[in-house]
Protein backbone atom coordinates (compact mmCIF):
# COMPACT_ATOMS: atom_id res chain seq x y z
CA UNK A 1 0.00 0.00 0.00
CA UNK A 2 1.31 3.44 -0.85
CA UNK A 3 0.23 6.94 0.11
CA UNK A 4 0.67 10.24 -1.72
CA UNK A 5 0.41 13.83 -0.59
CA UNK A 6 -1.84 16.46 -2.11
CA UNK A 7 -2.24 20.17 -1.51
CA UNK A 8 -5.91 20.07 -2.46
CA UNK A 9 -8.71 19.96 0.08
CA UNK A 10 -9.79 16.30 0.40
CA UNK A 11 -13.28 15.44 -0.87
CA UNK A 12 -16.10 14.81 1.55
CA UNK A 13 -17.15 11.26 2.33
CA UNK A 14 -20.26 11.51 0.15
CA UNK A 15 -18.05 12.37 -2.83
CA UNK A 16 -15.45 9.71 -2.17
CA UNK A 17 -16.04 5.98 -1.64
CA UNK A 18 -19.08 4.05 -0.52
CA UNK A 19 -16.98 1.02 0.45
CA UNK A 20 -13.28 0.43 1.08
CA UNK A 21 -11.50 -2.92 1.41
CA UNK A 22 -8.00 -3.12 2.89
CA UNK A 23 -5.85 -6.26 2.89
CA UNK A 24 -2.59 -6.33 4.85
CA UNK A 25 0.11 -8.96 5.46
CA UNK A 26 1.20 -10.56 8.70
CA UNK A 27 4.49 -9.68 10.38
CA UNK A 28 7.26 -11.92 11.65
CA UNK A 29 9.66 -10.29 14.11
CA UNK A 30 13.11 -11.79 14.68
CA UNK A 31 14.08 -9.89 17.83
CA UNK A 32 14.86 -6.49 19.33
CA UNK A 33 18.30 -4.87 19.16
CA UNK A 34 18.32 -2.60 22.21
CA UNK A 35 16.57 -2.23 25.55
CA UNK A 36 18.49 0.86 26.67
CA UNK A 37 16.28 3.02 28.91
CA UNK A 38 18.73 5.92 29.26
CA UNK A 39 20.22 7.07 25.98
CA UNK A 40 20.57 6.27 22.32
CA UNK A 41 18.12 4.44 20.09
CA UNK A 42 15.76 2.01 21.75
CA UNK A 43 14.25 -1.26 20.51
CA UNK A 44 15.01 -1.63 16.79
CA UNK A 45 14.85 -4.97 15.08
CA UNK A 46 14.45 -7.12 12.01
CA UNK A 47 11.21 -8.44 10.58
CA UNK A 48 9.54 -9.85 7.54
CA UNK A 49 6.07 -9.45 6.04
CA UNK A 50 4.27 -12.56 4.78
CA UNK A 51 1.09 -12.81 2.71
CA UNK A 52 -0.66 -15.35 4.91
CA UNK A 53 -2.47 -15.48 7.22
CA UNK A 54 -2.83 -11.68 6.81
CA UNK A 55 -5.79 -9.46 7.63
CA UNK A 56 -8.65 -8.13 5.54
CA UNK A 57 -11.33 -5.60 6.49
CA UNK A 58 -14.19 -3.91 4.66
CA UNK A 59 -15.65 -0.54 5.67
CA UNK A 60 -18.73 1.20 4.30
CA UNK A 61 -21.20 3.90 5.20
CA UNK A 62 -24.09 2.61 7.31
CA UNK A 63 -27.04 3.68 9.43
CA UNK A 64 -24.92 3.56 12.58
CA UNK A 65 -21.37 2.85 13.72
CA UNK A 66 -20.67 -0.87 14.16
CA UNK A 67 -17.89 -3.46 13.91
CA UNK A 68 -18.35 -7.16 13.21
CA UNK A 69 -16.22 -10.26 12.61
CA UNK A 70 -13.10 -11.62 14.34
CA UNK A 71 -11.51 -9.19 16.81
CA UNK A 72 -14.40 -6.77 16.25
CA UNK A 73 -13.95 -5.20 19.70
CA UNK A 74 -10.29 -4.48 18.99
CA UNK A 75 -11.21 -2.96 15.62
CA UNK A 76 -13.87 -0.81 17.28
CA UNK A 77 -11.23 0.53 19.65
CA UNK A 78 -8.95 1.42 16.75
CA UNK A 79 -11.81 3.16 14.95
CA UNK A 80 -12.74 5.20 18.02
CA UNK A 81 -9.10 6.17 18.53
CA UNK A 82 -8.81 7.20 14.87
CA UNK A 83 -11.88 9.42 14.99
CA UNK A 84 -10.85 10.94 18.34
CA UNK A 85 -7.42 11.72 16.85
CA UNK A 86 -9.17 13.68 14.11
CA UNK A 87 -11.35 15.56 16.58
CA UNK A 88 -14.67 13.75 16.13
CA UNK A 89 -16.92 13.89 19.20
CA UNK A 90 -18.64 10.65 18.11
CA UNK A 91 -17.77 8.12 15.41
CA UNK A 92 -19.66 8.72 12.15
CA UNK A 93 -22.11 6.07 10.88
CA UNK A 94 -19.78 3.55 9.28
CA UNK A 95 -19.67 -0.23 9.50
CA UNK A 96 -16.41 -2.20 9.60
CA UNK A 97 -16.39 -5.94 8.98
CA UNK A 98 -13.29 -8.01 9.70
CA UNK A 99 -13.20 -10.63 6.97
CA UNK A 100 -9.94 -12.29 7.93
CA UNK A 101 -7.59 -11.97 10.91
CA UNK A 102 -5.33 -14.37 12.81
CA UNK A 103 -5.36 -14.28 16.62
CA UNK A 104 -3.67 -11.31 18.26
CA UNK A 105 -0.65 -11.59 20.60
CA UNK A 106 0.72 -14.72 18.92
CA UNK A 107 3.71 -13.12 17.17
CA UNK A 108 2.10 -12.13 13.86
CA UNK A 109 1.68 -8.40 14.46
CA UNK A 110 -2.09 -8.69 14.11
CA UNK A 111 -2.87 -5.64 16.25
CA UNK A 112 -0.68 -3.30 14.24
CA UNK A 113 -1.88 -4.59 10.86
CA UNK A 114 -5.52 -4.34 11.92
CA UNK A 115 -5.01 -0.88 13.40
CA UNK A 116 -3.35 0.42 10.25
CA UNK A 117 -5.94 -1.27 8.02
CA UNK A 118 -8.72 0.42 9.99
CA UNK A 119 -6.95 3.79 9.79
CA UNK A 120 -6.31 3.45 6.04
CA UNK A 121 -9.89 2.38 5.34
CA UNK A 122 -11.51 5.13 7.40
CA UNK A 123 -9.07 7.73 6.13
CA UNK A 124 -10.17 6.94 2.58
CA UNK A 125 -13.85 6.40 3.34
CA UNK A 126 -14.22 9.69 5.21
CA UNK A 127 -11.98 11.77 2.96
CA UNK A 128 -9.41 12.64 5.62
CA UNK A 129 -6.00 14.18 4.85
CA UNK A 130 -3.62 11.67 6.51
CA UNK A 131 -1.21 10.81 3.71
CA UNK A 132 1.55 8.58 5.08
CA UNK A 133 1.86 5.49 7.21
CA UNK A 134 3.49 7.38 10.09
CA UNK A 135 0.39 9.57 10.40
CA UNK A 136 -1.90 6.56 10.25
CA UNK A 137 0.13 4.80 12.96
CA UNK A 138 -0.06 7.86 15.22
CA UNK A 139 -3.83 8.03 14.72
CA UNK A 140 -4.32 4.52 16.12
CA UNK A 141 -1.41 4.45 18.59
CA UNK A 142 0.82 1.88 16.88
CA UNK A 143 4.60 1.73 16.42
CA UNK A 144 5.56 2.93 19.89
CA UNK A 145 8.17 0.19 20.22
CA UNK A 146 9.00 -1.81 17.11
CA UNK A 147 8.31 -0.02 13.83
CA UNK A 148 8.68 -3.15 11.68
CA UNK A 149 4.94 -3.75 11.33
CA UNK A 150 4.23 -0.10 10.50
CA UNK A 151 6.87 0.09 7.77
CA UNK A 152 5.90 -3.39 6.60
CA UNK A 153 2.28 -2.36 6.13
CA UNK A 154 3.39 0.16 3.52
CA UNK A 155 6.56 -1.48 2.14
CA UNK A 156 6.43 -5.27 2.51
CA UNK A 157 9.55 -7.43 2.28
CA UNK A 158 12.29 -7.78 4.90
CA UNK A 159 12.77 -4.66 7.00
CA UNK A 160 15.42 -3.42 9.42
CA UNK A 161 15.22 -0.48 11.81
CA UNK A 162 17.79 0.48 14.42
CA UNK A 163 15.32 1.92 16.94
CA UNK A 164 13.93 5.34 17.75
CA UNK A 165 15.29 8.34 19.61
CA UNK A 166 13.13 10.01 22.29
CA UNK A 167 12.37 12.81 19.81
CA UNK A 168 11.09 10.44 17.10
CA UNK A 169 7.49 9.29 16.86
CA UNK A 170 8.45 6.27 14.74
CA UNK A 171 11.80 4.57 14.26
CA UNK A 172 13.06 5.29 10.73
CA UNK A 173 13.46 2.45 8.27
CA UNK A 174 17.14 1.55 7.86
CA UNK A 175 17.00 -1.19 5.23
CA UNK A 176 14.32 -2.79 3.11
CA UNK A 177 14.89 -5.78 0.83
CA UNK A 178 12.66 -7.95 -1.33
CA UNK A 179 12.46 -11.66 -0.57
CA UNK A 180 12.57 -14.21 -3.42
CA UNK A 181 9.07 -15.30 -4.45
CA UNK A 182 10.09 -18.95 -4.26
CA UNK A 183 10.99 -18.82 -0.55
CA UNK A 184 8.48 -20.18 1.95
CA UNK A 185 8.13 -19.85 5.72
CA UNK A 186 6.54 -22.49 7.94
CA UNK A 187 4.77 -21.10 11.02
CA UNK A 188 4.52 -23.23 14.15
CA UNK A 189 2.97 -22.03 17.41
CA UNK A 190 1.57 -23.68 20.55
CA UNK A 191 -2.25 -23.78 20.55
CA UNK A 192 -4.14 -21.49 22.93
CA UNK A 193 -1.02 -19.56 24.00
CA UNK A 194 -1.02 -15.76 23.84
CA UNK A 195 1.74 -13.32 24.71
CA UNK A 196 1.71 -10.52 27.25
CA UNK A 197 0.05 -7.31 26.10
CA UNK A 198 -1.14 -3.89 27.24
CA UNK A 199 0.05 -2.49 30.55
CA UNK A 200 1.54 -5.85 31.57
CA UNK A 201 3.74 -5.80 28.46
CA UNK A 202 4.80 -2.21 29.08
CA UNK A 203 5.70 -3.07 32.67
CA UNK A 204 7.69 -6.11 31.56
CA UNK A 205 9.75 -4.03 29.12
CA UNK A 206 10.32 -1.33 31.74
CA UNK A 207 11.70 -3.91 34.17
CA UNK A 208 14.19 -5.43 31.71
CA UNK A 209 17.80 -4.37 32.24
CA UNK A 210 19.48 -2.38 29.46
CA UNK A 211 21.77 -4.34 27.16
CA UNK A 212 25.30 -3.25 26.32
CA UNK A 213 26.18 -1.30 23.22
CA UNK A 214 28.35 -4.24 22.22
CA UNK A 215 25.28 -6.49 22.31
CA UNK A 216 23.39 -4.13 20.00
CA UNK A 217 26.38 -3.75 17.70
CA UNK A 218 26.72 -7.53 17.40
CA UNK A 219 23.10 -7.77 16.24
CA UNK A 220 23.58 -4.95 13.75
CA UNK A 221 26.73 -6.60 12.42
CA UNK A 222 24.86 -9.88 11.91
CA UNK A 223 22.26 -8.03 9.88
CA UNK A 224 24.66 -5.98 7.78
CA UNK A 225 27.41 -8.55 7.23
CA UNK A 226 25.44 -11.79 7.00
CA UNK A 227 21.67 -11.45 6.78
CA UNK A 228 21.33 -8.77 4.09
CA UNK A 229 24.16 -10.11 1.86
CA UNK A 230 22.64 -13.61 1.96
CA UNK A 231 19.31 -12.16 0.91
CA UNK A 232 20.91 -10.10 -1.86
CA UNK A 233 22.45 -13.28 -3.28
CA UNK A 234 19.28 -15.34 -2.69
CA UNK A 235 21.29 -17.79 -0.55
CA UNK A 236 18.53 -19.42 1.46
CA UNK A 237 20.78 -21.59 3.65
CA UNK A 238 22.98 -18.66 4.65
CA UNK A 239 19.88 -16.53 5.27
CA UNK A 240 18.31 -19.20 7.48
CA UNK A 241 21.48 -19.64 9.52
CA UNK A 242 21.79 -15.87 9.95
CA UNK A 243 18.19 -15.59 11.17
CA UNK A 244 18.95 -18.33 13.68
CA UNK A 245 22.07 -16.59 14.97
CA UNK A 246 20.28 -13.24 15.20
CA UNK A 247 17.30 -14.68 17.06
CA UNK A 248 19.46 -16.70 19.43
CA UNK A 249 21.51 -13.65 20.39
CA UNK A 250 18.50 -11.31 20.61
CA UNK A 251 16.79 -13.78 22.95
CA UNK A 252 19.60 -13.54 25.48
CA UNK A 253 18.30 -10.08 26.48
CA UNK A 254 15.24 -11.80 27.96
């Protein structure tokens, strides 16, 4: 998905679209680079966008505001946050149906992809002027830690970001690379297991000790010297081994 800027006043909803469908990928995250609470860039990481399972939503004008389908309550929260961000006292009469979504908090970035899909759909449906993915993320409160899913929503492929400074709303994208179409990823996860989220997740991150700069540099070196070159040369075995080394080292922070 791409966004463009325009100096013209955006059209009103009645002049724009009656229905908008947004499909977004799922996100794999291979580990954070930094947990430094005091200075420098924080978080950072490497991730990859995959077509399936992915998310799909459909929004249209309706008699009243409503959300239906899987994770409808979560989607309703994103919609309310989006409209509040734009200064609406009450959500306008639109209906959002979630047509496809994997479970949230299982490592697929479902919350971020749904949040951005909702923001993109409503932004188009209601003729609002948000024109880039950073603005959409801010409108629904996503990307406060890892920015992989936010950049991945707009860019796809394999993405690398080195973290954000306190002055930055979203960590800038450092590298982006396409993945060969012939490569496949097998997803395995325990049934009925969900990760920590919300305030409990924020508390857990706050309690983690900072890692050394050498630790972060080692992860960055793995990305720049091994991971990205193996991808450039479409060397699947080298890529797979590099992902393993990166994830193993990143996991030591926890």
